[in-house]
Amino acid sequence: MSLLQGERRVNLNIPPYRLSQPVTEPIPHVTVARFVQLAGLSPGNYALAINVRDALAGRTQSAHASFTVVN
């Protein structure tokens, strides 16, 4: 998980999450909830980028969510 402001990575100190038991029904999926501290961020546009790697299948999927911090 990475927080980006433009092209610059913002340090969040979020540890990696390792899933040991996959959920395969009704379709393979991963559900993860994490609290992200936004206090102290300067106003502007940000994106939270998520990368998930399936070590067994050797595949990686990515997603991101954009948001704006206003003050």
PDB file of N, CA and C in Angstrom:
ATOM      1  N   MET A   1       0.847  -1.158   0.000  1.00  0.00           N
ATOM      2  CA  MET A   1       0.000   0.000   0.000  1.00  0.00           C
ATOM      3  C   MET A   1       0.897   1.227   0.000  1.00  0.00           C
ATOM      4  N   SER A   2       0.598   2.190  -0.861  1.00  0.00           N
ATOM      5  CA  SER A   2       1.384   3.410  -0.961  1.00  0.00           C
ATOM      6  C   SER A   2       0.456   4.607  -1.068  1.00  0.00           C
ATOM      7  N   LEU A   3       0.866   5.710  -0.462  1.00  0.00           N
ATOM      8  CA  LEU A   3       0.148   6.967  -0.607  1.00  0.00           C
ATOM      9  C   LEU A   3       1.000   7.872  -1.478  1.00  0.00           C
ATOM     10  N   LEU A   4       0.402   8.401  -2.538  1.00  0.00           N
ATOM     11  CA  LEU A   4       1.118   9.253  -3.475  1.00  0.00           C
ATOM     12  C   LEU A   4       0.497  10.637  -3.517  1.00  0.00           C
ATOM     13  N   GLN A   5       1.343  11.650  -3.573  1.00  0.00           N
ATOM     14  CA  GLN A   5       0.900  13.019  -3.835  1.00  0.00           C
ATOM     15  C   GLN A   5       1.584  13.414  -5.126  1.00  0.00           C
ATOM     16  N   GLY A   6       0.814  13.391  -6.224  1.00  0.00           N
ATOM     17  CA  GLY A   6       1.410  13.548  -7.545  1.00  0.00           C
ATOM     18  C   GLY A   6       2.271  12.327  -7.828  1.00  0.00           C
ATOM     19  N   GLU A   7       3.543  12.542  -8.137  1.00  0.00           N
ATOM     20  CA  GLU A   7       4.479  11.439  -8.369  1.00  0.00           C
ATOM     21  C   GLU A   7       5.270  11.075  -7.117  1.00  0.00           C
ATOM     22  N   ARG A   8       5.104  11.876  -6.054  1.00  0.00           N
ATOM     23  CA  ARG A   8       5.896  11.700  -4.832  1.00  0.00           C
ATOM     24  C   ARG A   8       5.205  10.759  -3.867  1.00  0.00           C
ATOM     25  N   ARG A   9       5.961   9.804  -3.345  1.00  0.00           N
ATOM     26  CA  ARG A   9       5.441   8.842  -2.369  1.00  0.00           C
ATOM     27  C   ARG A   9       5.478   9.470  -0.976  1.00  0.00           C
ATOM     28  N   VAL A  10       4.366   9.377  -0.256  1.00  0.00           N
ATOM     29  CA  VAL A  10       4.253   9.897   1.105  1.00  0.00           C
ATOM     30  C   VAL A  10       4.403   8.719   2.053  1.00  0.00           C
ATOM     31  N   ASN A  11       5.253   8.840   3.062  1.00  0.00           N
ATOM     32  CA  ASN A  11       5.515   7.746   3.985  1.00  0.00           C
ATOM     33  C   ASN A  11       4.336   7.540   4.937  1.00  0.00           C
ATOM     34  N   LEU A  12       3.750   6.346   4.893  1.00  0.00           N
ATOM     35  CA  LEU A  12       2.615   6.014   5.763  1.00  0.00           C
ATOM     36  C   LEU A  12       2.980   5.050   6.873  1.00  0.00           C
ATOM     37  N   ASN A  13       4.069   4.312   6.722  1.00  0.00           N
ATOM     38  CA  ASN A  13       4.454   3.274   7.683  1.00  0.00           C
ATOM     39  C   ASN A  13       3.365   2.233   7.864  1.00  0.00           C
ATOM     40  N   ILE A  14       2.804   1.765   6.749  1.00  0.00           N
ATOM     41  CA  ILE A  14       1.807   0.700   6.796  1.00  0.00           C
ATOM     42  C   ILE A  14       2.518  -0.611   6.508  1.00  0.00           C
ATOM     43  N   PRO A  15       2.506  -1.540   7.459  1.00  0.00           N
ATOM     44  CA  PRO A  15       3.191  -2.817   7.229  1.00  0.00           C
ATOM     45  C   PRO A  15       2.475  -3.649   6.170  1.00  0.00           C
ATOM     46  N   PRO A  16       3.215  -4.506   5.472  1.00  0.00           N
ATOM     47  CA  PRO A  16       2.573  -5.399   4.500  1.00  0.00           C
ATOM     48  C   PRO A  16       1.610  -6.353   5.203  1.00  0.00           C
ATOM     49  N   TYR A  17       0.639  -6.826   4.476  1.00  0.00           N
ATOM     50  CA  TYR A  17      -0.360  -7.745   4.988  1.00  0.00           C
ATOM     51  C   TYR A  17      -0.195  -9.062   4.248  1.00  0.00           C
ATOM     52  N   ARG A  18      -0.106 -10.154   4.969  1.00  0.00           N
ATOM     53  CA  ARG A  18       0.063 -11.466   4.343  1.00  0.00           C
ATOM     54  C   ARG A  18      -1.163 -12.321   4.640  1.00  0.00           C
ATOM     55  N   LEU A  19      -1.761 -12.829   3.588  1.00  0.00           N
ATOM     56  CA  LEU A  19      -2.942 -13.675   3.703  1.00  0.00           C
ATOM     57  C   LEU A  19      -2.508 -15.128   3.619  1.00  0.00           C
ATOM     58  N   SER A  20      -2.847 -15.910   4.634  1.00  0.00           N
ATOM     59  CA  SER A  20      -2.429 -17.309   4.631  1.00  0.00           C
ATOM     60  C   SER A  20      -3.539 -18.258   4.181  1.00  0.00           C
ATOM     61  N   GLN A  21      -4.785 -17.836   4.256  1.00  0.00           N
ATOM     62  CA  GLN A  21      -5.907 -18.686   3.867  1.00  0.00           C
ATOM     63  C   GLN A  21      -6.733 -17.942   2.826  1.00  0.00           C
ATOM     64  N   PRO A  22      -6.620 -18.305   1.545  1.00  0.00           N
ATOM     65  CA  PRO A  22      -7.380 -17.603   0.506  1.00  0.00           C
ATOM     66  C   PRO A  22      -8.878 -17.872   0.618  1.00  0.00           C
ATOM     67  N   VAL A  23      -9.668 -16.918   0.196  1.00  0.00           N
ATOM     68  CA  VAL A  23     -11.122 -17.064   0.135  1.00  0.00           C
ATOM     69  C   VAL A  23     -11.456 -17.288  -1.332  1.00  0.00           C
ATOM     70  N   THR A  24     -12.030 -18.419  -1.650  1.00  0.00           N
ATOM     71  CA  THR A  24     -12.258 -18.772  -3.048  1.00  0.00           C
ATOM     72  C   THR A  24     -13.723 -18.767  -3.477  1.00  0.00           C
ATOM     73  N   GLU A  25     -14.650 -18.648  -2.532  1.00  0.00           N
ATOM     74  CA  GLU A  25     -16.072 -18.687  -2.880  1.00  0.00           C
ATOM     75  C   GLU A  25     -16.718 -17.339  -2.610  1.00  0.00           C
ATOM     76  N   PRO A  26     -17.574 -16.794  -3.414  1.00  0.00           N
ATOM     77  CA  PRO A  26     -18.013 -17.331  -4.695  1.00  0.00           C
ATOM     78  C   PRO A  26     -16.956 -17.150  -5.798  1.00  0.00           C
ATOM     79  N   ILE A  27     -16.063 -16.175  -5.638  1.00  0.00           N
ATOM     80  CA  ILE A  27     -14.921 -16.004  -6.537  1.00  0.00           C
ATOM     81  C   ILE A  27     -13.708 -15.696  -5.666  1.00  0.00           C
ATOM     82  N   PRO A  28     -12.494 -15.967  -6.119  1.00  0.00           N
ATOM     83  CA  PRO A  28     -11.319 -15.638  -5.306  1.00  0.00           C
ATOM     84  C   PRO A  28     -11.268 -14.136  -5.027  1.00  0.00           C
ATOM     85  N   HIS A  29     -11.082 -13.777  -3.756  1.00  0.00           N
ATOM     86  CA  HIS A  29     -11.018 -12.357  -3.398  1.00  0.00           C
ATOM     87  C   HIS A  29     -10.253 -12.169  -2.092  1.00  0.00           C
ATOM     88  N   VAL A  30      -9.877 -10.925  -1.842  1.00  0.00           N
ATOM     89  CA  VAL A  30      -9.181 -10.537  -0.618  1.00  0.00           C
ATOM     90  C   VAL A  30      -9.890  -9.314  -0.057  1.00  0.00           C
ATOM     91  N   THR A  31     -10.207  -9.341   1.223  1.00  0.00           N
ATOM     92  CA  THR A  31     -10.794  -8.187   1.894  1.00  0.00           C
ATOM     93  C   THR A  31      -9.848  -7.757   2.993  1.00  0.00           C
ATOM     94  N   VAL A  32      -9.402  -6.511   2.934  1.00  0.00           N
ATOM     95  CA  VAL A  32      -8.472  -5.972   3.925  1.00  0.00           C
ATOM     96  C   VAL A  32      -8.982  -4.603   4.355  1.00  0.00           C
ATOM     97  N   ALA A  33      -8.973  -4.335   5.643  1.00  0.00           N
ATOM     98  CA  ALA A  33      -9.347  -3.016   6.162  1.00  0.00           C
ATOM     99  C   ALA A  33      -8.159  -2.459   6.941  1.00  0.00           C
ATOM    100  N   ARG A  34      -7.779  -1.257   6.632  1.00  0.00           N
ATOM    101  CA  ARG A  34      -6.676  -0.583   7.318  1.00  0.00           C
ATOM    102  C   ARG A  34      -7.073   0.858   7.581  1.00  0.00           C
ATOM    103  N   PHE A  35      -6.672   1.385   8.727  1.00  0.00           N
ATOM    104  CA  PHE A  35      -6.854   2.786   9.050  1.00  0.00           C
ATOM    105  C   PHE A  35      -5.664   3.545   8.488  1.00  0.00           C
ATOM    106  N   VAL A  36      -5.924   4.613   7.759  1.00  0.00           N
ATOM    107  CA  VAL A  36      -4.861   5.445   7.194  1.00  0.00           C
ATOM    108  C   VAL A  36      -4.957   6.826   7.827  1.00  0.00           C
ATOM    109  N   GLN A  37      -3.925   7.209   8.577  1.00  0.00           N
ATOM    110  CA  GLN A  37      -3.897   8.500   9.256  1.00  0.00           C
ATOM    111  C   GLN A  37      -3.667   9.609   8.240  1.00  0.00           C
ATOM    112  N   LEU A  38      -4.633  10.496   8.065  1.00  0.00           N
ATOM    113  CA  LEU A  38      -4.515  11.591   7.111  1.00  0.00           C
ATOM    114  C   LEU A  38      -4.198  12.917   7.786  1.00  0.00           C
ATOM    115  N   ALA A  39      -4.302  12.970   9.105  1.00  0.00           N
ATOM    116  CA  ALA A  39      -4.001  14.205   9.833  1.00  0.00           C
ATOM    117  C   ALA A  39      -2.555  14.601   9.568  1.00  0.00           C
ATOM    118  N   GLY A  40      -2.341  15.868   9.303  1.00  0.00           N
ATOM    119  CA  GLY A  40      -0.993  16.363   9.062  1.00  0.00           C
ATOM    120  C   GLY A  40      -0.613  16.416   7.595  1.00  0.00           C
ATOM    121  N   LEU A  41      -1.433  15.826   6.721  1.00  0.00           N
ATOM    122  CA  LEU A  41      -1.140  15.925   5.291  1.00  0.00           C
ATOM    123  C   LEU A  41      -1.465  17.328   4.795  1.00  0.00           C
ATOM    124  N   SER A  42      -0.637  17.851   3.920  1.00  0.00           N
ATOM    125  CA  SER A  42      -0.905  19.169   3.353  1.00  0.00           C
ATOM    126  C   SER A  42      -2.055  19.051   2.356  1.00  0.00           C
ATOM    127  N   PRO A  43      -2.815  20.133   2.176  1.00  0.00           N
ATOM    128  CA  PRO A  43      -3.914  20.101   1.218  1.00  0.00           C
ATOM    129  C   PRO A  43      -3.401  19.742  -0.180  1.00  0.00           C
ATOM    130  N   GLY A  44      -4.206  19.001  -0.918  1.00  0.00           N
ATOM    131  CA  GLY A  44      -3.830  18.635  -2.282  1.00  0.00           C
ATOM    132  C   GLY A  44      -4.463  17.329  -2.705  1.00  0.00           C
ATOM    133  N   ASN A  45      -4.094  16.891  -3.891  1.00  0.00           N
ATOM    134  CA  ASN A  45      -4.615  15.656  -4.466  1.00  0.00           C
ATOM    135  C   ASN A  45      -3.687  14.498  -4.123  1.00  0.00           C
ATOM    136  N   TYR A  46      -4.294  13.392  -3.732  1.00  0.00           N
ATOM    137  CA  TYR A  46      -3.550  12.193  -3.340  1.00  0.00           C
ATOM    138  C   TYR A  46      -4.154  10.978  -4.016  1.00  0.00           C
ATOM    139  N   ALA A  47      -3.410   9.887  -3.999  1.00  0.00           N
ATOM    140  CA  ALA A  47      -3.915   8.591  -4.464  1.00  0.00           C
ATOM    141  C   ALA A  47      -3.379   7.519  -3.527  1.00  0.00           C
ATOM    142  N   LEU A  48      -4.239   6.604  -3.149  1.00  0.00           N
ATOM    143  CA  LEU A  48      -3.848   5.442  -2.362  1.00  0.00           C
ATOM    144  C   LEU A  48      -3.726   4.282  -3.336  1.00  0.00           C
ATOM    145  N   ALA A  49      -2.525   3.743  -3.484  1.00  0.00           N
ATOM    146  CA  ALA A  49      -2.266   2.658  -4.429  1.00  0.00           C
ATOM    147  C   ALA A  49      -2.107   1.345  -3.670  1.00  0.00           C
ATOM    148  N   ILE A  50      -2.760   0.307  -4.156  1.00  0.00           N
ATOM    149  CA  ILE A  50      -2.721  -1.009  -3.537  1.00  0.00           C
ATOM    150  C   ILE A  50      -2.162  -2.000  -4.559  1.00  0.00           C
ATOM    151  N   ASN A  51      -1.189  -2.791  -4.143  1.00  0.00           N
ATOM    152  CA  ASN A  51      -0.635  -3.856  -4.983  1.00  0.00           C
ATOM    153  C   ASN A  51      -0.807  -5.174  -4.246  1.00  0.00           C
ATOM    154  N   VAL A  52      -1.410  -6.147  -4.907  1.00  0.00           N
ATOM    155  CA  VAL A  52      -1.627  -7.470  -4.321  1.00  0.00           C
ATOM    156  C   VAL A  52      -0.893  -8.488  -5.189  1.00  0.00           C
ATOM    157  N   ARG A  53      -0.064  -9.307  -4.540  1.00  0.00           N
ATOM    158  CA  ARG A  53       0.707 -10.318  -5.274  1.00  0.00           C
ATOM    159  C   ARG A  53       0.269 -11.708  -4.834  1.00  0.00           C
ATOM    160  N   ASP A  54      -0.084 -12.525  -5.806  1.00  0.00           N
ATOM    161  CA  ASP A  54      -0.418 -13.928  -5.562  1.00  0.00           C
ATOM    162  C   ASP A  54       0.871 -14.715  -5.758  1.00  0.00           C
ATOM    163  N   ALA A  55       1.496 -15.107  -4.660  1.00  0.00           N
ATOM    164  CA  ALA A  55       2.786 -15.790  -4.722  1.00  0.00           C
ATOM    165  C   ALA A  55       2.666 -17.164  -5.375  1.00  0.00           C
ATOM    166  N   LEU A  56       1.536 -17.834  -5.184  1.00  0.00           N
ATOM    167  CA  LEU A  56       1.362 -19.168  -5.768  1.00  0.00           C
ATOM    168  C   LEU A  56       1.183 -19.109  -7.274  1.00  0.00           C
ATOM    169  N   ALA A  57       0.404 -18.157  -7.745  1.00  0.00           N
ATOM    170  CA  ALA A  57       0.131 -18.050  -9.182  1.00  0.00           C
ATOM    171  C   ALA A  57       1.148 -17.163  -9.887  1.00  0.00           C
ATOM    172  N   GLY A  58       1.925 -16.389  -9.109  1.00  0.00           N
ATOM    173  CA  GLY A  58       2.904 -15.498  -9.700  1.00  0.00           C
ATOM    174  C   GLY A  58       2.289 -14.304 -10.415  1.00  0.00           C
ATOM    175  N   ARG A  59       1.123 -13.852  -9.939  1.00  0.00           N
ATOM    176  CA  ARG A  59       0.434 -12.716 -10.565  1.00  0.00           C
ATOM    177  C   ARG A  59       0.321 -11.558  -9.587  1.00  0.00           C
ATOM    178  N   THR A  60       0.246 -10.348 -10.139  1.00  0.00           N
ATOM    179  CA  THR A  60       0.085  -9.137  -9.338  1.00  0.00           C
ATOM    180  C   THR A  60      -1.086  -8.333  -9.893  1.00  0.00           C
ATOM    181  N   GLN A  61      -1.898  -7.783  -8.992  1.00  0.00           N
ATOM    182  CA  GLN A  61      -3.000  -6.898  -9.362  1.00  0.00           C
ATOM    183  C   GLN A  61      -2.822  -5.580  -8.621  1.00  0.00           C
ATOM    184  N   SER A  62      -3.207  -4.500  -9.255  1.00  0.00           N
ATOM    185  CA  SER A  62      -3.084  -3.174  -8.649  1.00  0.00           C
ATOM    186  C   SER A  62      -4.403  -2.431  -8.766  1.00  0.00           C
ATOM    187  N   ALA A  63      -4.625  -1.527  -7.815  1.00  0.00           N
ATOM    188  CA  ALA A  63      -5.794  -0.646  -7.842  1.00  0.00           C
ATOM    189  C   ALA A  63      -5.413   0.637  -7.124  1.00  0.00           C
ATOM    190  N   HIS A  64      -6.158   1.697  -7.382  1.00  0.00           N
ATOM    191  CA  HIS A  64      -5.896   2.943  -6.666  1.00  0.00           C
ATOM    192  C   HIS A  64      -7.200   3.719  -6.477  1.00  0.00           C
ATOM    193  N   ALA A  65      -7.172   4.582  -5.476  1.00  0.00           N
ATOM    194  CA  ALA A  65      -8.312   5.452  -5.181  1.00  0.00           C
ATOM    195  C   ALA A  65      -7.759   6.863  -4.989  1.00  0.00           C
ATOM    196  N   SER A  66      -8.314   7.800  -5.717  1.00  0.00           N
ATOM    197  CA  SER A  66      -7.878   9.195  -5.616  1.00  0.00           C
ATOM    198  C   SER A  66      -8.767   9.948  -4.639  1.00  0.00           C
ATOM    199  N   PHE A  67      -8.187  10.923  -3.948  1.00  0.00           N
ATOM    200  CA  PHE A  67      -8.955  11.774  -3.038  1.00  0.00           C
ATOM    201  C   PHE A  67      -8.229  13.101  -2.879  1.00  0.00           C
ATOM    202  N   THR A  68      -8.921  14.083  -2.339  1.00  0.00           N
ATOM    203  CA  THR A  68      -8.373  15.413  -2.135  1.00  0.00           C
ATOM    204  C   THR A  68      -8.447  15.776  -0.657  1.00  0.00           C
ATOM    205  N   VAL A  69      -7.357  16.283  -0.119  1.00  0.00           N
ATOM    206  CA  VAL A  69      -7.324  16.794   1.254  1.00  0.00           C
ATOM    207  C   VAL A  69      -7.528  18.308   1.167  1.00  0.00           C
ATOM    208  N   VAL A  70      -8.528  18.808   1.872  1.00  0.00           N
ATOM    209  CA  VAL A  70      -8.796  20.250   1.913  1.00  0.00           C
ATOM    210  C   VAL A  70      -8.586  20.739   3.341  1.00  0.00           C
ATOM    211  N   ASN A  71      -8.260  21.991   3.466  1.00  0.00           N
ATOM    212  CA  ASN A  71      -8.017  22.536   4.805  1.00  0.00           C
ATOM    213  C   ASN A  71      -8.667  23.880   4.917  1.00  0.00           C
TER     214      ASN A  71
END
